[in-house]
Amino acid sequence: MGRKGTMVEKEIESSYLNETMTLMIYQPETFSPLYKYNICIMQDGNDYFQMGRVATLSDRLHDSHEITNTVFAGIHYKDRYDRWEKYHPSGEQNEAYMKFLINEVVPLLDEFVPTYHLGQTRALMGDSLAGTIALMTAIKYPNTFGKVIMQSPYVDAKVINAAKNADNLQFIDIYHTIGENEADVSTTDGSKSDFLMPNRELNELLNRKGSTYHYYELEAGEHTWKYWQKDMTRVLTTMFN
């Protein structure tokens, strides 16, 4: 069965990243300039469309009225090293990527999609490092991004300190998962890392911040799309209902 919605490709000649960045934008079947839409910007965009099956879920959940009008925009990476440079808190292009999101992606989407121009109707979504950049960007720009979805995010001292020092988290809705079996995760540099305990520490911290916060530990969950995909229906119906 084919998709009911429409996929549109847009390119941005980014002055911050000095490269051409591609956005894949999925509009629901009933897309119309007469309606207003939430926007979900997905880092690891191709992965969310292919392995996360976001377009298929968008069709189904719009049909069943389990989510409100939402447009999904995916941004992908060149390779794992490029991904590290853009998404990792210590990556050389991390700050530039945030500016790209704020100053280039959001204006394009606000012009192309009829939106509410409110932070609460803009979400950043990502898995692993992509979830990290989602949280860190929203902490820095809470008036622009009022929703964060992070599946098994990478959490280090920079992330903990950013969350600890943030005085705006009560304005951000957060969806946060970690798998119970993520204590020994292979990372980009070839080493192993414990994702579970740092995420539990982040959970305790975010719980105290007064945000609208949804936290789940996925039973027997591992650091793979097998588990993130299984959770996608709950992700979308929780954050865009």
C-alpha atoms as a PDB file:
ATOM      1  CA  MET A   1       0.000   0.000   0.000  1.00  0.00           C
ATOM      2  CA  GLY A   2       1.395   3.415  -0.978  1.00  0.00           C
ATOM      3  CA  ARG A   3       1.660   6.385   1.281  1.00  0.00           C
ATOM      4  CA  LYS A   4      -1.369   8.625   1.547  1.00  0.00           C
ATOM      5  CA  GLY A   5       0.569  11.781   2.313  1.00  0.00           C
ATOM      6  CA  THR A   6       3.072  13.682   0.214  1.00  0.00           C
ATOM      7  CA  MET A   7       6.861  13.810   0.576  1.00  0.00           C
ATOM      8  CA  VAL A   8       8.442  17.108  -0.449  1.00  0.00           C
ATOM      9  CA  GLU A   9      12.180  17.739  -0.699  1.00  0.00           C
ATOM     10  CA  LYS A  10      13.666  21.144   0.130  1.00  0.00           C
ATOM     11  CA  GLU A  11      17.308  22.208   0.062  1.00  0.00           C
ATOM     12  CA  ILE A  12      19.027  24.820   2.204  1.00  0.00           C
ATOM     13  CA  GLU A  13      22.382  26.322   1.283  1.00  0.00           C
ATOM     14  CA  SER A  14      23.464  26.635   4.889  1.00  0.00           C
ATOM     15  CA  SER A  15      25.679  29.598   5.696  1.00  0.00           C
ATOM     16  CA  TYR A  16      26.343  28.105   9.137  1.00  0.00           C
ATOM     17  CA  LEU A  17      27.406  24.634   7.989  1.00  0.00           C
ATOM     18  CA  ASN A  18      28.833  25.693   4.609  1.00  0.00           C
ATOM     19  CA  GLU A  19      27.048  22.866   2.816  1.00  0.00           C
ATOM     20  CA  THR A  20      23.772  22.019   1.152  1.00  0.00           C
ATOM     21  CA  MET A  21      21.349  20.469   3.620  1.00  0.00           C
ATOM     22  CA  THR A  22      18.278  18.515   2.484  1.00  0.00           C
ATOM     23  CA  LEU A  23      14.936  18.456   4.299  1.00  0.00           C
ATOM     24  CA  MET A  24      12.452  15.679   3.573  1.00  0.00           C
ATOM     25  CA  ILE A  25       9.024  16.997   4.558  1.00  0.00           C
ATOM     26  CA  TYR A  26       6.045  14.642   4.933  1.00  0.00           C
ATOM     27  CA  GLN A  27       2.620  16.243   4.701  1.00  0.00           C
ATOM     28  CA  PRO A  28      -0.519  14.337   5.754  1.00  0.00           C
ATOM     29  CA  GLU A  29      -3.088  13.423   3.119  1.00  0.00           C
ATOM     30  CA  THR A  30      -5.418  16.227   4.190  1.00  0.00           C
ATOM     31  CA  PHE A  31      -2.695  18.892   4.088  1.00  0.00           C
ATOM     32  CA  SER A  32      -4.189  22.276   3.248  1.00  0.00           C
ATOM     33  CA  PRO A  33      -3.192  25.931   3.667  1.00  0.00           C
ATOM     34  CA  LEU A  34      -6.536  26.345   5.426  1.00  0.00           C
ATOM     35  CA  TYR A  35      -5.267  24.389   8.464  1.00  0.00           C
ATOM     36  CA  LYS A  36      -2.493  24.965  10.987  1.00  0.00           C
ATOM     37  CA  TYR A  37       0.106  22.302  11.733  1.00  0.00           C
ATOM     38  CA  ASN A  38       2.504  21.099  14.369  1.00  0.00           C
ATOM     39  CA  ILE A  39       6.005  20.546  13.031  1.00  0.00           C
ATOM     40  CA  CYS A  40       8.250  17.693  14.139  1.00  0.00           C
ATOM     41  CA  ILE A  41      11.873  18.138  13.033  1.00  0.00           C
ATOM     42  CA  MET A  42      13.666  14.806  13.074  1.00  0.00           C
ATOM     43  CA  GLN A  43      17.439  14.502  13.243  1.00  0.00           C
ATOM     44  CA  ASP A  44      18.537  11.176  11.695  1.00  0.00           C
ATOM     45  CA  GLY A  45      15.672  11.932   9.336  1.00  0.00           C
ATOM     46  CA  ASN A  46      16.131   9.069   6.869  1.00  0.00           C
ATOM     47  CA  ASP A  47      16.305   6.603   9.753  1.00  0.00           C
ATOM     48  CA  TYR A  48      13.020   7.895  11.161  1.00  0.00           C
ATOM     49  CA  PHE A  49      11.286   7.623   7.809  1.00  0.00           C
ATOM     50  CA  GLN A  50      12.756   4.214   6.911  1.00  0.00           C
ATOM     51  CA  MET A  51      13.304   2.346  10.190  1.00  0.00           C
ATOM     52  CA  GLY A  52      10.969   4.391  12.361  1.00  0.00           C
ATOM     53  CA  ARG A  53       8.202   4.197   9.697  1.00  0.00           C
ATOM     54  CA  VAL A  54       7.086   7.714  10.573  1.00  0.00           C
ATOM     55  CA  ALA A  55       5.293   8.351   7.265  1.00  0.00           C
ATOM     56  CA  THR A  56       3.251   5.158   7.615  1.00  0.00           C
ATOM     57  CA  LEU A  57       2.424   5.987  11.225  1.00  0.00           C
ATOM     58  CA  SER A  58       1.497   9.546  10.246  1.00  0.00           C
ATOM     59  CA  ASP A  59      -1.000   8.190   7.724  1.00  0.00           C
ATOM     60  CA  ARG A  60      -2.554   5.807  10.232  1.00  0.00           C
ATOM     61  CA  LEU A  61      -2.646   8.151  13.218  1.00  0.00           C
ATOM     62  CA  HIS A  62      -4.069  11.052  11.220  1.00  0.00           C
ATOM     63  CA  ASP A  63      -6.759   8.750   9.814  1.00  0.00           C
ATOM     64  CA  SER A  64      -7.726   7.566  13.303  1.00  0.00           C
ATOM     65  CA  HIS A  65      -7.519  11.103  14.729  1.00  0.00           C
ATOM     66  CA  GLU A  66      -5.009   9.929  17.339  1.00  0.00           C
ATOM     67  CA  ILE A  67      -2.727  12.846  16.471  1.00  0.00           C
ATOM     68  CA  THR A  68      -3.552  16.405  15.458  1.00  0.00           C
ATOM     69  CA  ASN A  69      -2.329  17.965  12.205  1.00  0.00           C
ATOM     70  CA  THR A  70       1.421  17.370  12.132  1.00  0.00           C
ATOM     71  CA  VAL A  71       4.088  17.709   9.457  1.00  0.00           C
ATOM     72  CA  PHE A  72       7.268  15.644   9.844  1.00  0.00           C
ATOM     73  CA  ALA A  73      10.549  17.075   8.539  1.00  0.00           C
ATOM     74  CA  GLY A  74      13.643  14.880   8.400  1.00  0.00           C
ATOM     75  CA  ILE A  75      17.269  16.037   8.248  1.00  0.00           C
ATOM     76  CA  HIS A  76      19.931  13.408   7.673  1.00  0.00           C
ATOM     77  CA  TYR A  77      23.713  13.176   7.995  1.00  0.00           C
ATOM     78  CA  LYS A  78      26.476  12.263   5.532  1.00  0.00           C
ATOM     79  CA  ASP A  79      28.119   9.544   7.636  1.00  0.00           C
ATOM     80  CA  ARG A  80      28.697   8.639  11.275  1.00  0.00           C
ATOM     81  CA  TYR A  81      31.597  11.083  11.606  1.00  0.00           C
ATOM     82  CA  ASP A  82      29.545  13.947  10.206  1.00  0.00           C
ATOM     83  CA  ARG A  83      26.768  12.940  12.610  1.00  0.00           C
ATOM     84  CA  TRP A  84      29.193  13.087  15.552  1.00  0.00           C
ATOM     85  CA  GLU A  85      30.467  16.538  14.556  1.00  0.00           C
ATOM     86  CA  LYS A  86      26.953  17.970  14.324  1.00  0.00           C
ATOM     87  CA  TYR A  87      25.098  16.191  17.139  1.00  0.00           C
ATOM     88  CA  HIS A  88      27.695  15.493  19.844  1.00  0.00           C
ATOM     89  CA  PRO A  89      27.921  18.193  22.556  1.00  0.00           C
ATOM     90  CA  SER A  90      31.673  18.401  21.872  1.00  0.00           C
ATOM     91  CA  GLY A  91      31.388  18.181  18.072  1.00  0.00           C
ATOM     92  CA  GLU A  92      33.079  20.951  16.083  1.00  0.00           C
ATOM     93  CA  GLN A  93      29.847  21.790  14.232  1.00  0.00           C
ATOM     94  CA  ASN A  94      27.495  21.418  17.188  1.00  0.00           C
ATOM     95  CA  GLU A  95      26.888  25.139  17.717  1.00  0.00           C
ATOM     96  CA  ALA A  96      26.676  25.750  13.963  1.00  0.00           C
ATOM     97  CA  TYR A  97      24.083  22.989  13.616  1.00  0.00           C
ATOM     98  CA  MET A  98      21.910  24.575  16.315  1.00  0.00           C
ATOM     99  CA  LYS A  99      22.091  27.909  14.478  1.00  0.00           C
ATOM    100  CA  PHE A 100      21.197  26.119  11.257  1.00  0.00           C
ATOM    101  CA  LEU A 101      18.057  24.727  12.930  1.00  0.00           C
ATOM    102  CA  ILE A 102      17.027  28.043  14.437  1.00  0.00           C
ATOM    103  CA  ASN A 103      17.919  30.467  11.663  1.00  0.00           C
ATOM    104  CA  GLU A 104      17.516  28.394   8.503  1.00  0.00           C
ATOM    105  CA  VAL A 105      15.289  25.360   9.068  1.00  0.00           C
ATOM    106  CA  VAL A 106      12.567  26.995  11.173  1.00  0.00           C
ATOM    107  CA  PRO A 107      12.087  30.000   8.823  1.00  0.00           C
ATOM    108  CA  LEU A 108      11.864  27.685   5.809  1.00  0.00           C
ATOM    109  CA  LEU A 109       9.264  25.482   7.487  1.00  0.00           C
ATOM    110  CA  ASP A 110       7.289  28.454   8.805  1.00  0.00           C
ATOM    111  CA  GLU A 111       7.087  29.792   5.255  1.00  0.00           C
ATOM    112  CA  PHE A 112       6.301  26.443   3.610  1.00  0.00           C
ATOM    113  CA  VAL A 113       3.891  25.043   6.222  1.00  0.00           C
ATOM    114  CA  PRO A 114       0.996  26.966   7.785  1.00  0.00           C
ATOM    115  CA  THR A 115       2.020  26.888  11.446  1.00  0.00           C
ATOM    116  CA  TYR A 116       1.095  28.530  14.723  1.00  0.00           C
ATOM    117  CA  HIS A 117       4.569  30.134  15.059  1.00  0.00           C
ATOM    118  CA  LEU A 118       4.633  28.957  18.671  1.00  0.00           C
ATOM    119  CA  GLY A 119       7.296  26.924  20.441  1.00  0.00           C
ATOM    120  CA  GLN A 120       4.727  24.480  21.799  1.00  0.00           C
ATOM    121  CA  THR A 121       3.841  23.418  18.250  1.00  0.00           C
ATOM    122  CA  ARG A 122       7.469  22.752  17.230  1.00  0.00           C
ATOM    123  CA  ALA A 123       9.193  19.532  18.270  1.00  0.00           C
ATOM    124  CA  LEU A 124      12.730  18.247  17.907  1.00  0.00           C
ATOM    125  CA  MET A 125      13.083  14.461  17.759  1.00  0.00           C
ATOM    126  CA  GLY A 126      16.084  12.167  17.697  1.00  0.00           C
ATOM    127  CA  ASP A 127      17.627   8.872  18.749  1.00  0.00           C
ATOM    128  CA  SER A 128      20.967   8.490  20.542  1.00  0.00           C
ATOM    129  CA  LEU A 129      23.159  11.530  19.656  1.00  0.00           C
ATOM    130  CA  ALA A 130      20.246  12.928  17.637  1.00  0.00           C
ATOM    131  CA  GLY A 131      18.212  12.929  20.840  1.00  0.00           C
ATOM    132  CA  THR A 132      21.038  14.750  22.589  1.00  0.00           C
ATOM    133  CA  ILE A 133      21.091  17.591  20.062  1.00  0.00           C
ATOM    134  CA  ALA A 134      17.294  17.816  20.324  1.00  0.00           C
ATOM    135  CA  LEU A 135      17.429  18.404  24.086  1.00  0.00           C
ATOM    136  CA  MET A 136      20.429  20.735  24.002  1.00  0.00           C
ATOM    137  CA  THR A 137      18.895  22.890  21.260  1.00  0.00           C
ATOM    138  CA  ALA A 138      15.551  23.197  23.057  1.00  0.00           C
ATOM    139  CA  ILE A 139      17.303  24.151  26.303  1.00  0.00           C
ATOM    140  CA  LYS A 140      19.113  26.920  24.449  1.00  0.00           C
ATOM    141  CA  TYR A 141      16.091  28.045  22.396  1.00  0.00           C
ATOM    142  CA  PRO A 142      12.976  27.232  24.486  1.00  0.00           C
ATOM    143  CA  ASN A 143      10.840  29.887  22.822  1.00  0.00           C
ATOM    144  CA  THR A 144      11.368  28.234  19.448  1.00  0.00           C
ATOM    145  CA  PHE A 145      11.146  24.563  20.414  1.00  0.00           C
ATOM    146  CA  GLY A 146       8.607  23.585  23.057  1.00  0.00           C
ATOM    147  CA  LYS A 147       8.734  19.812  22.589  1.00  0.00           C
ATOM    148  CA  VAL A 148      11.621  17.339  22.764  1.00  0.00           C
ATOM    149  CA  ILE A 149      11.541  13.650  21.903  1.00  0.00           C
ATOM    150  CA  MET A 150      14.729  11.785  22.770  1.00  0.00           C
ATOM    151  CA  GLN A 151      15.072   8.039  22.424  1.00  0.00           C
ATOM    152  CA  SER A 152      18.117   6.615  24.209  1.00  0.00           C
ATOM    153  CA  PRO A 153      20.026   9.911  24.126  1.00  0.00           C
ATOM    154  CA  TYR A 154      23.761  10.140  24.717  1.00  0.00           C
ATOM    155  CA  VAL A 155      24.230  11.837  28.094  1.00  0.00           C
ATOM    156  CA  ASP A 156      27.528  13.202  29.393  1.00  0.00           C
ATOM    157  CA  ALA A 157      28.596  15.880  31.884  1.00  0.00           C
ATOM    158  CA  LYS A 158      27.815  18.679  29.400  1.00  0.00           C
ATOM    159  CA  VAL A 159      24.254  17.432  28.996  1.00  0.00           C
ATOM    160  CA  ILE A 160      23.734  17.024  32.742  1.00  0.00           C
ATOM    161  CA  ASN A 161      25.113  20.499  33.436  1.00  0.00           C
ATOM    162  CA  ALA A 162      22.984  22.075  30.705  1.00  0.00           C
ATOM    163  CA  ALA A 163      19.843  20.497  32.157  1.00  0.00           C
ATOM    164  CA  LYS A 164      20.868  21.344  35.710  1.00  0.00           C
ATOM    165  CA  ASN A 165      21.469  25.009  34.887  1.00  0.00           C
ATOM    166  CA  ALA A 166      18.405  25.419  32.649  1.00  0.00           C
ATOM    167  CA  ASP A 167      15.769  27.720  34.118  1.00  0.00           C
ATOM    168  CA  ASN A 168      13.247  27.206  31.319  1.00  0.00           C
ATOM    169  CA  LEU A 169      12.491  23.492  31.310  1.00  0.00           C
ATOM    170  CA  GLN A 170       9.029  24.039  32.742  1.00  0.00           C
ATOM    171  CA  PHE A 171       8.087  25.411  29.314  1.00  0.00           C
ATOM    172  CA  ILE A 172       9.258  22.327  27.405  1.00  0.00           C
ATOM    173  CA  ASP A 173       7.335  19.050  26.986  1.00  0.00           C
ATOM    174  CA  ILE A 174       9.791  16.156  27.017  1.00  0.00           C
ATOM    175  CA  TYR A 175       9.473  12.505  25.972  1.00  0.00           C
ATOM    176  CA  HIS A 176      12.449  10.427  27.116  1.00  0.00           C
ATOM    177  CA  THR A 177      13.189   6.706  26.812  1.00  0.00           C
ATOM    178  CA  ILE A 178      16.107   4.418  27.583  1.00  0.00           C
ATOM    179  CA  GLY A 179      16.358   0.660  27.236  1.00  0.00           C
ATOM    180  CA  GLU A 180      16.999  -1.571  30.214  1.00  0.00           C
ATOM    181  CA  ASN A 181      19.832  -3.292  28.315  1.00  0.00           C
ATOM    182  CA  GLU A 182      21.741  -0.157  27.334  1.00  0.00           C
ATOM    183  CA  ALA A 183      24.570  -0.426  29.843  1.00  0.00           C
ATOM    184  CA  ASP A 184      27.161  -1.495  27.238  1.00  0.00           C
ATOM    185  CA  VAL A 185      26.569   0.425  23.997  1.00  0.00           C
ATOM    186  CA  SER A 186      29.038   0.576  21.093  1.00  0.00           C
ATOM    187  CA  THR A 187      29.841   4.201  20.195  1.00  0.00           C
ATOM    188  CA  THR A 188      31.208   5.981  17.103  1.00  0.00           C
ATOM    189  CA  ASP A 189      34.823   5.836  18.305  1.00  0.00           C
ATOM    190  CA  GLY A 190      34.653   2.062  18.770  1.00  0.00           C
ATOM    191  CA  SER A 191      34.463   2.098  22.551  1.00  0.00           C
ATOM    192  CA  LYS A 192      31.669   0.902  24.851  1.00  0.00           C
ATOM    193  CA  SER A 193      29.556   3.238  26.936  1.00  0.00           C
ATOM    194  CA  ASP A 194      26.939   2.923  29.659  1.00  0.00           C
ATOM    195  CA  PHE A 195      23.864   4.802  28.469  1.00  0.00           C
ATOM    196  CA  LEU A 196      21.493   3.514  31.149  1.00  0.00           C
ATOM    197  CA  MET A 197      22.871   5.118  34.328  1.00  0.00           C
ATOM    198  CA  PRO A 198      23.459   8.597  32.815  1.00  0.00           C
ATOM    199  CA  ASN A 199      19.912   8.544  31.435  1.00  0.00           C
ATOM    200  CA  ARG A 200      18.573   7.612  34.843  1.00  0.00           C
ATOM    201  CA  GLU A 201      20.506  10.530  36.300  1.00  0.00           C
ATOM    202  CA  LEU A 202      19.042  12.830  33.654  1.00  0.00           C
ATOM    203  CA  ASN A 203      15.582  11.462  34.441  1.00  0.00           C
ATOM    204  CA  GLU A 204      15.929  12.335  38.130  1.00  0.00           C
ATOM    205  CA  LEU A 205      17.097  15.826  37.203  1.00  0.00           C
ATOM    206  CA  LEU A 206      14.322  16.496  34.676  1.00  0.00           C
ATOM    207  CA  ASN A 207      11.708  15.207  37.107  1.00  0.00           C
ATOM    208  CA  ARG A 208      12.650  18.035  39.456  1.00  0.00           C
ATOM    209  CA  LYS A 209      12.458  20.739  36.808  1.00  0.00           C
ATOM    210  CA  GLY A 210       8.678  20.984  36.532  1.00  0.00           C
ATOM    211  CA  SER A 211       8.397  20.232  32.834  1.00  0.00           C
ATOM    212  CA  THR A 212       5.682  18.085  31.290  1.00  0.00           C
ATOM    213  CA  TYR A 213       7.827  14.992  31.274  1.00  0.00           C
ATOM    214  CA  HIS A 214       7.217  11.449  30.016  1.00  0.00           C
ATOM    215  CA  TYR A 215       9.904   8.904  30.891  1.00  0.00           C
ATOM    216  CA  TYR A 216       9.937   5.214  30.032  1.00  0.00           C
ATOM    217  CA  GLU A 217      12.488   2.472  30.474  1.00  0.00           C
ATOM    218  CA  LEU A 218      11.911   0.021  27.638  1.00  0.00           C
ATOM    219  CA  GLU A 219      11.781  -3.546  28.935  1.00  0.00           C
ATOM    220  CA  ALA A 220      14.783  -5.509  27.618  1.00  0.00           C
ATOM    221  CA  GLY A 221      15.365  -2.529  25.314  1.00  0.00           C
ATOM    222  CA  GLU A 222      18.659  -2.212  23.465  1.00  0.00           C
ATOM    223  CA  HIS A 223      20.296   0.630  21.533  1.00  0.00           C
ATOM    224  CA  THR A 224      18.683  -0.300  18.217  1.00  0.00           C
ATOM    225  CA  TRP A 225      15.805   0.718  15.967  1.00  0.00           C
ATOM    226  CA  LYS A 226      14.018  -2.520  16.802  1.00  0.00           C
ATOM    227  CA  TYR A 227      13.051  -0.995  20.156  1.00  0.00           C
ATOM    228  CA  TRP A 228      12.746   2.644  19.111  1.00  0.00           C
ATOM    229  CA  GLN A 229      10.341   1.738  16.305  1.00  0.00           C
ATOM    230  CA  LYS A 230       8.147  -0.308  18.622  1.00  0.00           C
ATOM    231  CA  ASP A 231       7.718   2.792  20.784  1.00  0.00           C
ATOM    232  CA  MET A 232       6.919   5.211  17.950  1.00  0.00           C
ATOM    233  CA  THR A 233       3.127   4.992  18.206  1.00  0.00           C
ATOM    234  CA  ARG A 234       3.276   5.957  21.881  1.00  0.00           C
ATOM    235  CA  VAL A 235       5.794   8.698  21.056  1.00  0.00           C
ATOM    236  CA  LEU A 236       3.559  10.354  18.492  1.00  0.00           C
ATOM    237  CA  THR A 237       0.234   9.941  20.278  1.00  0.00           C
ATOM    238  CA  THR A 238       1.729  11.299  23.504  1.00  0.00           C
ATOM    239  CA  MET A 239       3.356  14.368  21.980  1.00  0.00           C
ATOM    240  CA  PHE A 240       0.881  15.264  19.190  1.00  0.00           C
ATOM    241  CA  ASN A 241      -2.486  14.133  20.544  1.00  0.00           C
END
